[in-house]
């Protein structure tokens, strides 16, 4: 079994570079992937970058769509009016992050210019 990891914008996958060469390496038809991906991402805002894992066993493959990253989900490069406790609740209770992972993210956000 192999796992192929990609980042693809929701509802915006199109056959062609850079997607088709990666899929072609693994004998996955780009048109099939694009159709399945675009149909599966209907609940996300168009263009939102999503993580994708393709699990391939022999000639068959399955698609796993991951939620947007925390920074994307929280509104881009800088959020206004976001309180540290709200972010903590979001990370630990809804995303299942450990306290250590949450503290690491706080440091990353501060380095990006967020004020928490």
PDB file of N, CA and C in Angstrom:
ATOM      1  N   UNK A   1       0.847  -1.181   0.000  1.00  0.00           N
ATOM      2  CA  UNK A   1       0.000   0.000   0.000  1.00  0.00           C
ATOM      3  C   UNK A   1       0.890   1.240   0.000  1.00  0.00           C
ATOM      4  N   UNK A   2       0.496   2.208  -0.778  1.00  0.00           N
ATOM      5  CA  UNK A   2       1.217   3.481  -0.782  1.00  0.00           C
ATOM      6  C   UNK A   2       0.227   4.608  -0.501  1.00  0.00           C
ATOM      7  N   UNK A   3       0.750   5.677   0.059  1.00  0.00           N
ATOM      8  CA  UNK A   3      -0.064   6.854   0.364  1.00  0.00           C
ATOM      9  C   UNK A   3       0.534   8.035  -0.380  1.00  0.00           C
ATOM     10  N   UNK A   4      -0.295   8.702  -1.145  1.00  0.00           N
ATOM     11  CA  UNK A   4       0.123   9.884  -1.901  1.00  0.00           C
ATOM     12  C   UNK A   4      -0.501  11.085  -1.219  1.00  0.00           C
ATOM     13  N   UNK A   5       0.308  12.062  -0.860  1.00  0.00           N
ATOM     14  CA  UNK A   5      -0.187  13.258  -0.173  1.00  0.00           C
ATOM     15  C   UNK A   5      -0.145  14.447  -1.121  1.00  0.00           C
ATOM     16  N   UNK A   6      -1.273  15.155  -1.187  1.00  0.00           N
ATOM     17  CA  UNK A   6      -1.387  16.325  -2.054  1.00  0.00           C
ATOM     18  C   UNK A   6      -2.091  17.450  -1.311  1.00  0.00           C
ATOM     19  N   UNK A   7      -1.974  18.656  -1.820  1.00  0.00           N
ATOM     20  CA  UNK A   7      -2.771  19.796  -1.349  1.00  0.00           C
ATOM     21  C   UNK A   7      -3.462  20.343  -2.592  1.00  0.00           C
ATOM     22  N   UNK A   8      -4.805  20.308  -2.551  1.00  0.00           N
ATOM     23  CA  UNK A   8      -5.599  20.670  -3.720  1.00  0.00           C
ATOM     24  C   UNK A   8      -6.697  21.636  -3.280  1.00  0.00           C
ATOM     25  N   UNK A   9      -6.964  22.694  -4.059  1.00  0.00           N
ATOM     26  CA  UNK A   9      -8.037  23.619  -3.699  1.00  0.00           C
ATOM     27  C   UNK A   9      -9.415  22.972  -3.876  1.00  0.00           C
ATOM     28  N   UNK A  10     -10.276  23.157  -2.877  1.00  0.00           N
ATOM     29  CA  UNK A  10     -11.612  22.564  -2.887  1.00  0.00           C
ATOM     30  C   UNK A  10     -12.391  22.961  -4.129  1.00  0.00           C
ATOM     31  N   UNK A  11     -13.079  22.007  -4.717  1.00  0.00           N
ATOM     32  CA  UNK A  11     -13.947  22.189  -5.877  1.00  0.00           C
ATOM     33  C   UNK A  11     -13.216  22.757  -7.100  1.00  0.00           C
ATOM     34  N   UNK A  12     -11.891  22.793  -7.078  1.00  0.00           N
ATOM     35  CA  UNK A  12     -11.145  23.444  -8.156  1.00  0.00           C
ATOM     36  C   UNK A  12     -10.107  22.544  -8.808  1.00  0.00           C
ATOM     37  N   UNK A  13     -10.163  21.242  -8.535  1.00  0.00           N
ATOM     38  CA  UNK A  13      -9.175  20.347  -9.145  1.00  0.00           C
ATOM     39  C   UNK A  13      -9.423  20.273 -10.652  1.00  0.00           C
ATOM     40  N   UNK A  14      -8.349  20.317 -11.409  1.00  0.00           N
ATOM     41  CA  UNK A  14      -8.433  20.233 -12.868  1.00  0.00           C
ATOM     42  C   UNK A  14      -7.315  19.314 -13.355  1.00  0.00           C
ATOM     43  N   UNK A  15      -7.605  18.512 -14.387  1.00  0.00           N
ATOM     44  CA  UNK A  15      -6.527  17.682 -14.931  1.00  0.00           C
ATOM     45  C   UNK A  15      -5.460  18.577 -15.562  1.00  0.00           C
ATOM     46  N   UNK A  16      -4.251  18.168 -15.468  1.00  0.00           N
ATOM     47  CA  UNK A  16      -3.136  18.946 -16.004  1.00  0.00           C
ATOM     48  C   UNK A  16      -2.108  19.172 -14.917  1.00  0.00           C
ATOM     49  N   UNK A  17      -0.984  19.791 -15.288  1.00  0.00           N
ATOM     50  CA  UNK A  17       0.061  20.039 -14.293  1.00  0.00           C
ATOM     51  C   UNK A  17      -0.448  20.961 -13.197  1.00  0.00           C
ATOM     52  N   UNK A  18      -0.033  20.822 -11.990  1.00  0.00           N
ATOM     53  CA  UNK A  18       0.917  19.847 -11.442  1.00  0.00           C
ATOM     54  C   UNK A  18       0.263  18.543 -11.007  1.00  0.00           C
ATOM     55  N   UNK A  19      -1.053  18.429 -11.088  1.00  0.00           N
ATOM     56  CA  UNK A  19      -1.768  17.265 -10.580  1.00  0.00           C
ATOM     57  C   UNK A  19      -1.570  16.016 -11.438  1.00  0.00           C
ATOM     58  N   UNK A  20      -1.746  16.134 -12.739  1.00  0.00           N
ATOM     59  CA  UNK A  20      -1.694  14.955 -13.622  1.00  0.00           C
ATOM     60  C   UNK A  20      -0.360  14.204 -13.577  1.00  0.00           C
ATOM     61  N   UNK A  21       0.795  14.885 -13.582  1.00  0.00           N
ATOM     62  CA  UNK A  21       2.052  14.128 -13.516  1.00  0.00           C
ATOM     63  C   UNK A  21       2.183  13.299 -12.233  1.00  0.00           C
ATOM     64  N   UNK A  22       1.734  13.862 -11.112  1.00  0.00           N
ATOM     65  CA  UNK A  22       1.830  13.130  -9.840  1.00  0.00           C
ATOM     66  C   UNK A  22       0.915  11.913  -9.875  1.00  0.00           C
ATOM     67  N   UNK A  23      -0.311  12.104 -10.338  1.00  0.00           N
ATOM     68  CA  UNK A  23      -1.249  10.988 -10.406  1.00  0.00           C
ATOM     69  C   UNK A  23      -0.790   9.949 -11.427  1.00  0.00           C
ATOM     70  N   UNK A  24      -0.273  10.408 -12.550  1.00  0.00           N
ATOM     71  CA  UNK A  24       0.199   9.501 -13.591  1.00  0.00           C
ATOM     72  C   UNK A  24       1.315   8.591 -13.120  1.00  0.00           C
ATOM     73  N   UNK A  25       2.195   9.098 -12.266  1.00  0.00           N
ATOM     74  CA  UNK A  25       3.280   8.289 -11.706  1.00  0.00           C
ATOM     75  C   UNK A  25       2.748   7.070 -10.984  1.00  0.00           C
ATOM     76  N   UNK A  26       1.553   7.228 -10.399  1.00  0.00           N
ATOM     77  CA  UNK A  26       0.969   6.161  -9.598  1.00  0.00           C
ATOM     78  C   UNK A  26      -0.165   5.439 -10.330  1.00  0.00           C
ATOM     79  N   UNK A  27      -0.249   5.620 -11.642  1.00  0.00           N
ATOM     80  CA  UNK A  27      -1.256   4.984 -12.486  1.00  0.00           C
ATOM     81  C   UNK A  27      -2.690   5.276 -12.018  1.00  0.00           C
ATOM     82  N   UNK A  28      -2.939   6.537 -11.668  1.00  0.00           N
ATOM     83  CA  UNK A  28      -4.279   6.992 -11.304  1.00  0.00           C
ATOM     84  C   UNK A  28      -4.745   7.929 -12.410  1.00  0.00           C
ATOM     85  N   UNK A  29      -5.919   7.673 -12.946  1.00  0.00           N
ATOM     86  CA  UNK A  29      -6.440   8.505 -14.039  1.00  0.00           C
ATOM     87  C   UNK A  29      -6.854   9.859 -13.479  1.00  0.00           C
ATOM     88  N   UNK A  30      -6.236  10.944 -13.969  1.00  0.00           N
ATOM     89  CA  UNK A  30      -6.547  12.282 -13.448  1.00  0.00           C
ATOM     90  C   UNK A  30      -8.025  12.642 -13.539  1.00  0.00           C
ATOM     91  N   UNK A  31      -8.692  12.265 -14.620  1.00  0.00           N
ATOM     92  CA  UNK A  31     -10.114  12.606 -14.767  1.00  0.00           C
ATOM     93  C   UNK A  31     -10.965  11.969 -13.670  1.00  0.00           C
ATOM     94  N   UNK A  32     -10.654  10.726 -13.302  1.00  0.00           N
ATOM     95  CA  UNK A  32     -11.396  10.049 -12.230  1.00  0.00           C
ATOM     96  C   UNK A  32     -11.148  10.744 -10.890  1.00  0.00           C
ATOM     97  N   UNK A  33      -9.874  11.076 -10.627  1.00  0.00           N
ATOM     98  CA  UNK A  33      -9.543  11.754  -9.375  1.00  0.00           C
ATOM     99  C   UNK A  33     -10.256  13.097  -9.290  1.00  0.00           C
ATOM    100  N   UNK A  34     -10.178  13.891 -10.354  1.00  0.00           N
ATOM    101  CA  UNK A  34     -10.775  15.235 -10.372  1.00  0.00           C
ATOM    102  C   UNK A  34     -12.277  15.154 -10.112  1.00  0.00           C
ATOM    103  N   UNK A  35     -12.960  14.234 -10.778  1.00  0.00           N
ATOM    104  CA  UNK A  35     -14.406  14.088 -10.589  1.00  0.00           C
ATOM    105  C   UNK A  35     -14.733  13.725  -9.145  1.00  0.00           C
ATOM    106  N   UNK A  36     -14.043  12.730  -8.605  1.00  0.00           N
ATOM    107  CA  UNK A  36     -14.313  12.295  -7.233  1.00  0.00           C
ATOM    108  C   UNK A  36     -13.967  13.391  -6.226  1.00  0.00           C
ATOM    109  N   UNK A  37     -12.830  14.047  -6.416  1.00  0.00           N
ATOM    110  CA  UNK A  37     -12.413  15.094  -5.487  1.00  0.00           C
ATOM    111  C   UNK A  37     -13.394  16.268  -5.501  1.00  0.00           C
ATOM    112  N   UNK A  38     -13.716  16.777  -6.679  1.00  0.00           N
ATOM    113  CA  UNK A  38     -14.607  17.936  -6.762  1.00  0.00           C
ATOM    114  C   UNK A  38     -15.995  17.622  -6.203  1.00  0.00           C
ATOM    115  N   UNK A  39     -16.488  16.402  -6.422  1.00  0.00           N
ATOM    116  CA  UNK A  39     -17.780  16.011  -5.852  1.00  0.00           C
ATOM    117  C   UNK A  39     -17.715  15.891  -4.330  1.00  0.00           C
ATOM    118  N   UNK A  40     -16.588  15.426  -3.819  1.00  0.00           N
ATOM    119  CA  UNK A  40     -16.431  15.223  -2.372  1.00  0.00           C
ATOM    120  C   UNK A  40     -16.190  16.513  -1.600  1.00  0.00           C
ATOM    121  N   UNK A  41     -15.778  17.575  -2.268  1.00  0.00           N
ATOM    122  CA  UNK A  41     -15.444  18.818  -1.562  1.00  0.00           C
ATOM    123  C   UNK A  41     -16.532  19.872  -1.691  1.00  0.00           C
ATOM    124  N   UNK A  42     -17.734  19.459  -2.027  1.00  0.00           N
ATOM    125  CA  UNK A  42     -18.846  20.399  -2.183  1.00  0.00           C
ATOM    126  C   UNK A  42     -19.182  21.170  -0.920  1.00  0.00           C
ATOM    127  N   UNK A  43     -18.861  20.635   0.250  1.00  0.00           N
ATOM    128  CA  UNK A  43     -19.167  21.304   1.509  1.00  0.00           C
ATOM    129  C   UNK A  43     -18.156  22.359   1.927  1.00  0.00           C
ATOM    130  N   UNK A  44     -17.069  22.489   1.184  1.00  0.00           N
ATOM    131  CA  UNK A  44     -16.029  23.469   1.507  1.00  0.00           C
ATOM    132  C   UNK A  44     -16.142  24.670   0.570  1.00  0.00           C
ATOM    133  N   UNK A  45     -15.678  25.814   1.031  1.00  0.00           N
ATOM    134  CA  UNK A  45     -15.641  27.004   0.187  1.00  0.00           C
ATOM    135  C   UNK A  45     -14.688  26.743  -0.978  1.00  0.00           C
ATOM    136  N   UNK A  46     -15.126  27.080  -2.180  1.00  0.00           N
ATOM    137  CA  UNK A  46     -14.324  26.850  -3.366  1.00  0.00           C
ATOM    138  C   UNK A  46     -12.958  27.534  -3.240  1.00  0.00           C
ATOM    139  N   UNK A  47     -11.899  26.795  -3.544  1.00  0.00           N
ATOM    140  CA  UNK A  47     -10.549  27.339  -3.493  1.00  0.00           C
ATOM    141  C   UNK A  47      -9.832  27.142  -2.174  1.00  0.00           C
ATOM    142  N   UNK A  48     -10.534  26.682  -1.133  1.00  0.00           N
ATOM    143  CA  UNK A  48      -9.895  26.439   0.158  1.00  0.00           C
ATOM    144  C   UNK A  48      -8.890  25.302   0.013  1.00  0.00           C
ATOM    145  N   UNK A  49      -7.623  25.519   0.377  1.00  0.00           N
ATOM    146  CA  UNK A  49      -6.635  24.445   0.228  1.00  0.00           C
ATOM    147  C   UNK A  49      -6.920  23.305   1.205  1.00  0.00           C
ATOM    148  N   UNK A  50      -7.031  22.106   0.674  1.00  0.00           N
ATOM    149  CA  UNK A  50      -7.319  20.921   1.482  1.00  0.00           C
ATOM    150  C   UNK A  50      -6.217  19.888   1.308  1.00  0.00           C
ATOM    151  N   UNK A  51      -5.916  19.210   2.386  1.00  0.00           N
ATOM    152  CA  UNK A  51      -4.994  18.096   2.307  1.00  0.00           C
ATOM    153  C   UNK A  51      -5.728  16.894   1.745  1.00  0.00           C
ATOM    154  N   UNK A  52      -5.041  16.124   0.926  1.00  0.00           N
ATOM    155  CA  UNK A  52      -5.636  14.947   0.309  1.00  0.00           C
ATOM    156  C   UNK A  52      -4.661  13.790   0.481  1.00  0.00           C
ATOM    157  N   UNK A  53      -5.188  12.662   0.891  1.00  0.00           N
ATOM    158  CA  UNK A  53      -4.390  11.439   0.937  1.00  0.00           C
ATOM    159  C   UNK A  53      -5.059  10.429   0.018  1.00  0.00           C
ATOM    160  N   UNK A  54      -4.284   9.889  -0.871  1.00  0.00           N
ATOM    161  CA  UNK A  54      -4.764   8.838  -1.749  1.00  0.00           C
ATOM    162  C   UNK A  54      -4.112   7.545  -1.279  1.00  0.00           C
ATOM    163  N   UNK A  55      -4.939   6.608  -0.848  1.00  0.00           N
ATOM    164  CA  UNK A  55      -4.458   5.302  -0.398  1.00  0.00           C
ATOM    165  C   UNK A  55      -4.562   4.354  -1.592  1.00  0.00           C
ATOM    166  N   UNK A  56      -3.424   3.850  -2.046  1.00  0.00           N
ATOM    167  CA  UNK A  56      -3.397   3.013  -3.244  1.00  0.00           C
ATOM    168  C   UNK A  56      -2.906   1.624  -2.891  1.00  0.00           C
ATOM    169  N   UNK A  57      -3.729   0.640  -3.237  1.00  0.00           N
ATOM    170  CA  UNK A  57      -3.368  -0.761  -3.063  1.00  0.00           C
ATOM    171  C   UNK A  57      -3.565  -1.430  -4.415  1.00  0.00           C
ATOM    172  N   UNK A  58      -2.480  -1.838  -5.027  1.00  0.00           N
ATOM    173  CA  UNK A  58      -2.563  -2.424  -6.367  1.00  0.00           C
ATOM    174  C   UNK A  58      -3.166  -1.409  -7.330  1.00  0.00           C
ATOM    175  N   UNK A  59      -4.134  -1.833  -8.123  1.00  0.00           N
ATOM    176  CA  UNK A  59      -4.734  -0.900  -9.077  1.00  0.00           C
ATOM    177  C   UNK A  59      -5.869  -0.048  -8.476  1.00  0.00           C
ATOM    178  N   UNK A  60      -6.288  -0.337  -7.244  1.00  0.00           N
ATOM    179  CA  UNK A  60      -7.395   0.418  -6.645  1.00  0.00           C
ATOM    180  C   UNK A  60      -6.872   1.519  -5.735  1.00  0.00           C
ATOM    181  N   UNK A  61      -7.654   2.561  -5.588  1.00  0.00           N
ATOM    182  CA  UNK A  61      -7.272   3.679  -4.733  1.00  0.00           C
ATOM    183  C   UNK A  61      -8.509   4.257  -4.064  1.00  0.00           C
ATOM    184  N   UNK A  62      -8.287   4.874  -2.919  1.00  0.00           N
ATOM    185  CA  UNK A  62      -9.374   5.560  -2.215  1.00  0.00           C
ATOM    186  C   UNK A  62      -8.880   6.938  -1.812  1.00  0.00           C
ATOM    187  N   UNK A  63      -9.822   7.830  -1.651  1.00  0.00           N
ATOM    188  CA  UNK A  63      -9.524   9.237  -1.403  1.00  0.00           C
ATOM    189  C   UNK A  63      -9.885   9.601   0.026  1.00  0.00           C
ATOM    190  N   UNK A  64      -9.000  10.276   0.722  1.00  0.00           N
ATOM    191  CA  UNK A  64      -9.269  10.806   2.054  1.00  0.00           C
ATOM    192  C   UNK A  64      -9.028  12.309   2.004  1.00  0.00           C
ATOM    193  N   UNK A  65     -10.065  13.086   2.311  1.00  0.00           N
ATOM    194  CA  UNK A  65      -9.943  14.538   2.291  1.00  0.00           C
ATOM    195  C   UNK A  65      -9.818  15.027   3.722  1.00  0.00           C
ATOM    196  N   UNK A  66      -8.771  15.799   3.977  1.00  0.00           N
ATOM    197  CA  UNK A  66      -8.499  16.317   5.314  1.00  0.00           C
ATOM    198  C   UNK A  66      -9.066  17.730   5.423  1.00  0.00           C
ATOM    199  N   UNK A  67      -9.445  18.150   6.629  1.00  0.00           N
ATOM    200  CA  UNK A  67      -9.967  19.511   6.787  1.00  0.00           C
ATOM    201  C   UNK A  67      -8.881  20.540   6.523  1.00  0.00           C
ATOM    202  N   UNK A  68      -9.285  21.787   6.269  1.00  0.00           N
ATOM    203  CA  UNK A  68      -8.269  22.819   6.048  1.00  0.00           C
ATOM    204  C   UNK A  68      -7.400  22.983   7.280  1.00  0.00           C
ATOM    205  N   UNK A  69      -6.185  23.500   7.072  1.00  0.00           N
ATOM    206  CA  UNK A  69      -5.292  23.751   8.191  1.00  0.00           C
ATOM    207  C   UNK A  69      -5.880  24.775   9.154  1.00  0.00           C
ATOM    208  N   UNK A  70      -5.346  24.827  10.343  1.00  0.00           N
ATOM    209  CA  UNK A  70      -5.885  25.701  11.382  1.00  0.00           C
ATOM    210  C   UNK A  70      -5.822  27.167  10.963  1.00  0.00           C
ATOM    211  N   UNK A  71      -4.706  27.607  10.389  1.00  0.00           N
ATOM    212  CA  UNK A  71      -4.585  29.009   9.994  1.00  0.00           C
ATOM    213  C   UNK A  71      -5.629  29.350   8.935  1.00  0.00           C
ATOM    214  N   UNK A  72      -5.838  28.463   7.962  1.00  0.00           N
ATOM    215  CA  UNK A  72      -6.859  28.681   6.937  1.00  0.00           C
ATOM    216  C   UNK A  72      -8.243  28.707   7.557  1.00  0.00           C
ATOM    217  N   UNK A  73      -8.524  27.760   8.434  1.00  0.00           N
ATOM    218  CA  UNK A  73      -9.841  27.673   9.057  1.00  0.00           C
ATOM    219  C   UNK A  73     -10.149  28.884   9.932  1.00  0.00           C
ATOM    220  N   UNK A  74      -9.115  29.492  10.495  1.00  0.00           N
ATOM    221  CA  UNK A  74      -9.335  30.636  11.384  1.00  0.00           C
ATOM    222  C   UNK A  74      -9.357  31.969  10.654  1.00  0.00           C
ATOM    223  N   UNK A  75      -9.225  31.967   9.356  1.00  0.00           N
ATOM    224  CA  UNK A  75      -9.435  33.197   8.621  1.00  0.00           C
ATOM    225  C   UNK A  75      -8.227  33.833   7.976  1.00  0.00           C
ATOM    226  N   UNK A  76      -7.234  33.073   7.595  1.00  0.00           N
ATOM    227  CA  UNK A  76      -6.136  33.644   6.834  1.00  0.00           C
ATOM    228  C   UNK A  76      -4.943  34.025   7.672  1.00  0.00           C
ATOM    229  N   UNK A  77      -4.283  35.105   7.274  1.00  0.00           N
ATOM    230  CA  UNK A  77      -3.004  35.435   7.880  1.00  0.00           C
ATOM    231  C   UNK A  77      -3.123  36.066   9.263  1.00  0.00           C
ATOM    232  N   UNK A  78      -4.160  36.853   9.497  1.00  0.00           N
ATOM    233  CA  UNK A  78      -4.319  37.477  10.818  1.00  0.00           C
ATOM    234  C   UNK A  78      -5.802  37.569  11.145  1.00  0.00           C
ATOM    235  N   UNK A  79      -6.169  37.048  12.289  1.00  0.00           N
ATOM    236  CA  UNK A  79      -7.570  37.118  12.708  1.00  0.00           C
ATOM    237  C   UNK A  79      -7.721  38.269  13.683  1.00  0.00           C
ATOM    238  N   UNK A  80      -8.839  38.945  13.610  1.00  0.00           N
ATOM    239  CA  UNK A  80      -9.100  40.023  14.548  1.00  0.00           C
ATOM    240  C   UNK A  80     -10.170  39.573  15.517  1.00  0.00           C
ATOM    241  N   UNK A  81     -10.034  39.949  16.760  1.00  0.00           N
ATOM    242  CA  UNK A  81     -11.019  39.608  17.764  1.00  0.00           C
ATOM    243  C   UNK A  81     -10.966  38.155  18.214  1.00  0.00           C
ATOM    244  N   UNK A  82      -9.884  37.461  17.922  1.00  0.00           N
ATOM    245  CA  UNK A  82      -9.758  36.071  18.330  1.00  0.00           C
ATOM    246  C   UNK A  82      -9.091  36.018  19.691  1.00  0.00           C
ATOM    247  N   UNK A  83      -9.737  35.368  20.616  1.00  0.00           N
ATOM    248  CA  UNK A  83      -9.192  35.266  21.974  1.00  0.00           C
ATOM    249  C   UNK A  83      -8.454  33.944  22.131  1.00  0.00           C
ATOM    250  N   UNK A  84      -7.419  33.984  22.943  1.00  0.00           N
ATOM    251  CA  UNK A  84      -6.591  32.802  23.163  1.00  0.00           C
ATOM    252  C   UNK A  84      -7.428  31.619  23.656  1.00  0.00           C
ATOM    253  N   UNK A  85      -8.382  31.868  24.543  1.00  0.00           N
ATOM    254  CA  UNK A  85      -9.198  30.777  25.084  1.00  0.00           C
ATOM    255  C   UNK A  85     -10.085  30.157  24.002  1.00  0.00           C
ATOM    256  N   UNK A  86     -10.573  30.977  23.071  1.00  0.00           N
ATOM    257  CA  UNK A  86     -11.384  30.445  21.970  1.00  0.00           C
ATOM    258  C   UNK A  86     -10.542  29.536  21.086  1.00  0.00           C
ATOM    259  N   UNK A  87      -9.333  29.971  20.795  1.00  0.00           N
ATOM    260  CA  UNK A  87      -8.438  29.182  19.965  1.00  0.00           C
ATOM    261  C   UNK A  87      -8.066  27.880  20.668  1.00  0.00           C
ATOM    262  N   UNK A  88      -7.801  27.963  21.953  1.00  0.00           N
ATOM    263  CA  UNK A  88      -7.463  26.772  22.737  1.00  0.00           C
ATOM    264  C   UNK A  88      -8.614  25.764  22.677  1.00  0.00           C
ATOM    265  N   UNK A  89      -9.838  26.243  22.876  1.00  0.00           N
ATOM    266  CA  UNK A  89     -11.004  25.354  22.833  1.00  0.00           C
ATOM    267  C   UNK A  89     -11.141  24.716  21.454  1.00  0.00           C
ATOM    268  N   UNK A  90     -10.957  25.514  20.423  1.00  0.00           N
ATOM    269  CA  UNK A  90     -11.056  24.999  19.054  1.00  0.00           C
ATOM    270  C   UNK A  90     -10.033  23.896  18.825  1.00  0.00           C
ATOM    271  N   UNK A  91      -8.795  24.147  19.210  1.00  0.00           N
ATOM    272  CA  UNK A  91      -7.728  23.189  18.953  1.00  0.00           C
ATOM    273  C   UNK A  91      -7.872  21.905  19.746  1.00  0.00           C
ATOM    274  N   UNK A  92      -8.067  22.052  21.047  1.00  0.00           N
ATOM    275  CA  UNK A  92      -8.051  20.883  21.922  1.00  0.00           C
ATOM    276  C   UNK A  92      -9.360  20.100  21.850  1.00  0.00           C
ATOM    277  N   UNK A  93     -10.484  20.800  21.867  1.00  0.00           N
ATOM    278  CA  UNK A  93     -11.763  20.099  21.935  1.00  0.00           C
ATOM    279  C   UNK A  93     -12.302  19.672  20.575  1.00  0.00           C
ATOM    280  N   UNK A  94     -12.114  20.497  19.553  1.00  0.00           N
ATOM    281  CA  UNK A  94     -12.697  20.179  18.250  1.00  0.00           C
ATOM    282  C   UNK A  94     -11.717  19.513  17.299  1.00  0.00           C
ATOM    283  N   UNK A  95     -10.442  19.863  17.387  1.00  0.00           N
ATOM    284  CA  UNK A  95      -9.451  19.286  16.482  1.00  0.00           C
ATOM    285  C   UNK A  95      -8.660  18.151  17.128  1.00  0.00           C
ATOM    286  N   UNK A  96      -8.802  17.958  18.440  1.00  0.00           N
ATOM    287  CA  UNK A  96      -8.128  16.869  19.117  1.00  0.00           C
ATOM    288  C   UNK A  96      -6.636  17.081  19.321  1.00  0.00           C
ATOM    289  N   UNK A  97      -6.193  18.327  19.327  1.00  0.00           N
ATOM    290  CA  UNK A  97      -4.771  18.615  19.528  1.00  0.00           C
ATOM    291  C   UNK A  97      -4.396  18.415  20.991  1.00  0.00           C
ATOM    292  N   UNK A  98      -3.161  18.018  21.210  1.00  0.00           N
ATOM    293  CA  UNK A  98      -2.662  17.924  22.577  1.00  0.00           C
ATOM    294  C   UNK A  98      -2.299  19.332  23.045  1.00  0.00           C
ATOM    295  N   UNK A  99      -2.218  19.554  24.358  1.00  0.00           N
ATOM    296  CA  UNK A  99      -1.804  20.876  24.837  1.00  0.00           C
ATOM    297  C   UNK A  99      -0.459  21.315  24.262  1.00  0.00           C
ATOM    298  N   UNK A 100       0.471  20.377  24.090  1.00  0.00           N
ATOM    299  CA  UNK A 100       1.773  20.729  23.515  1.00  0.00           C
ATOM    300  C   UNK A 100       1.620  21.216  22.068  1.00  0.00           C
ATOM    301  N   UNK A 101       0.786  20.528  21.289  1.00  0.00           N
ATOM    302  CA  UNK A 101       0.557  20.941  19.903  1.00  0.00           C
ATOM    303  C   UNK A 101      -0.105  22.323  19.847  1.00  0.00           C
ATOM    304  N   UNK A 102      -1.021  22.585  20.779  1.00  0.00           N
ATOM    305  CA  UNK A 102      -1.688  23.887  20.818  1.00  0.00           C
ATOM    306  C   UNK A 102      -0.677  24.995  21.133  1.00  0.00           C
ATOM    307  N   UNK A 103       0.212  24.755  22.103  1.00  0.00           N
ATOM    308  CA  UNK A 103       1.221  25.767  22.446  1.00  0.00           C
ATOM    309  C   UNK A 103       2.155  26.008  21.259  1.00  0.00           C
ATOM    310  N   UNK A 104       2.508  24.956  20.537  1.00  0.00           N
ATOM    311  CA  UNK A 104       3.359  25.107  19.356  1.00  0.00           C
ATOM    312  C   UNK A 104       2.672  25.963  18.306  1.00  0.00           C
ATOM    313  N   UNK A 105       1.373  25.735  18.109  1.00  0.00           N
ATOM    314  CA  UNK A 105       0.639  26.537  17.142  1.00  0.00           C
ATOM    315  C   UNK A 105       0.570  27.998  17.581  1.00  0.00           C
ATOM    316  N   UNK A 106       0.379  28.251  18.879  1.00  0.00           N
ATOM    317  CA  UNK A 106       0.365  29.635  19.371  1.00  0.00           C
ATOM    318  C   UNK A 106       1.676  30.332  19.008  1.00  0.00           C
ATOM    319  N   UNK A 107       2.801  29.637  19.203  1.00  0.00           N
ATOM    320  CA  UNK A 107       4.095  30.216  18.851  1.00  0.00           C
ATOM    321  C   UNK A 107       4.210  30.490  17.362  1.00  0.00           C
ATOM    322  N   UNK A 108       3.716  29.576  16.549  1.00  0.00           N
ATOM    323  CA  UNK A 108       3.739  29.764  15.091  1.00  0.00           C
ATOM    324  C   UNK A 108       2.905  30.971  14.689  1.00  0.00           C
ATOM    325  N   UNK A 109       1.710  31.080  15.252  1.00  0.00           N
ATOM    326  CA  UNK A 109       0.830  32.208  14.924  1.00  0.00           C
ATOM    327  C   UNK A 109       1.453  33.532  15.348  1.00  0.00           C
ATOM    328  N   UNK A 110       2.083  33.569  16.522  1.00  0.00           N
ATOM    329  CA  UNK A 110       2.754  34.803  16.957  1.00  0.00           C
ATOM    330  C   UNK A 110       3.880  35.172  15.999  1.00  0.00           C
ATOM    331  N   UNK A 111       4.616  34.171  15.511  1.00  0.00           N
ATOM    332  CA  UNK A 111       5.704  34.461  14.571  1.00  0.00           C
ATOM    333  C   UNK A 111       5.170  34.962  13.232  1.00  0.00           C
ATOM    334  N   UNK A 112       3.899  34.663  12.923  1.00  0.00           N
ATOM    335  CA  UNK A 112       3.262  35.147  11.702  1.00  0.00           C
ATOM    336  C   UNK A 112       2.641  36.536  11.883  1.00  0.00           C
ATOM    337  N   UNK A 113       2.745  37.072  13.113  1.00  0.00           N
ATOM    338  CA  UNK A 113       2.229  38.417  13.356  1.00  0.00           C
ATOM    339  C   UNK A 113       0.871  38.462  14.026  1.00  0.00           C
ATOM    340  N   UNK A 114       0.340  37.351  14.442  1.00  0.00           N
ATOM    341  CA  UNK A 114      -0.934  37.328  15.141  1.00  0.00           C
ATOM    342  C   UNK A 114      -0.722  37.831  16.561  1.00  0.00           C
ATOM    343  N   UNK A 115      -1.687  38.523  17.090  1.00  0.00           N
ATOM    344  CA  UNK A 115      -1.614  38.920  18.495  1.00  0.00           C
ATOM    345  C   UNK A 115      -2.665  38.108  19.248  1.00  0.00           C
ATOM    346  N   UNK A 116      -2.182  37.285  20.171  1.00  0.00           N
ATOM    347  CA  UNK A 116      -3.087  36.403  20.934  1.00  0.00           C
ATOM    348  C   UNK A 116      -3.025  36.756  22.392  1.00  0.00           C
TER     349      UNK A 116
END
